[in-house]
Every structure is written in structure tokens, then in C-alpha cells.
Amino acid sequence: MYYIALAYSNLDDITNAKTYTQKAIAITPNDSKIKELNTYILDAEKSKQLEQAFDLYEKNNFVQALTLLNTIIAKDPKCAHAYFYRGMVYDAQKRYNEAISSYLNSVKYTNELNVAYYSIGVDYDYLKNYTQASNYYRKYLSTKPTEQEYIDFVNNRLKELAPYVKK
């Protein structure tokens, strides 16, 4: 069963690879090769679903994108990229508080998505919570970002917000 699952995996047929991996696990549950292949297949499945969700987002199909992202999160509650993409969908729908919550979850599970701090700042800006916006813009800058366009925007925005920020 392992080799059949591996063959399907090599063909990028995640559905059949997953089926045969599950059968192999049922037969030899302690086989480390099978467990490793299963992890690989589940990660590949999640990556494919994230790509699908992002494609749906780009096509403005927000309801389906959210459904898929919520499914990913239900299976893997620590999937930082799913939370990040969900934040993007909520932003597109102007659901800023929900976007902030999703972005906060994304940075909770990885430090690779520092742009989430920028997005949180922008969302607080839309909500006219300038103190929190400034806090998250500064947090974004503290991560040593490389996106010059965002850095310039944040620096300019922090200057504009300074009179409105509670100290």
C-alpha cells in the first residue's frame, strides 16, 4: 500500500495518495515511512487548498474562499497562512474586526507573515482607531520588513496620525 500511495503522490494525485496512505496506516500503524508520507500528503493537500482559496479570493468569490479557508483551519487550527488569507478576504468584504482577528492568529502561529501587522494597522486605520493603528504600524516596522512601498506608507502614515494618537 505504501508504494501505491507513493506512486500516486509522485503523480500529484493527492486524493488517491491519501486513500492508499490511510490503508497502509491501517495495516502497519507504526511504520515511520508511512507516517512521514502521510504528513507529506496532508501538507500537499493543504497547500493545494490554500492555492484554491487564494484563486477564489482573486476572482472575488469571497464566500467560497471563506468556506475553504474555514475548512483548512478546522483541520489545522495552527495554519497561519489560512488565517492570513482569511484576513484578506474579510478585508475585501470590509469586515475589519474579523480581519484583525484572523491576522492576529496568523502571526500567533508564524513569524513569517510580518505583513499581517501592516494589515492590522490599516484595518485599525479604517476603524478610526488611530492609537492601535499606530501601534501595529510600529510593530510592522520592528520586524525589519523589506517591502519598501509598505515601509514608506507606514512612515508617512505614522507622521499623519501623530496628532491623533493617545500617549
Foldseek 3Di string as FASTA:
>chain_A
DQVQLVVCVVVVVLVVNLVVLVVVCVVPVPDPSSVVSNVVSVVSVLVVLLVVLVVCVVVVVLVVSLVSLVVSCVVPVLQLSSLQSNLVSCVVVLVLVSSLVSLVSSCVNDVPPLCSLQSNLVSVVVVVVLQSSLVSLVSSVVSVDDPVVSVVVSVVVNVVSVVVHDD
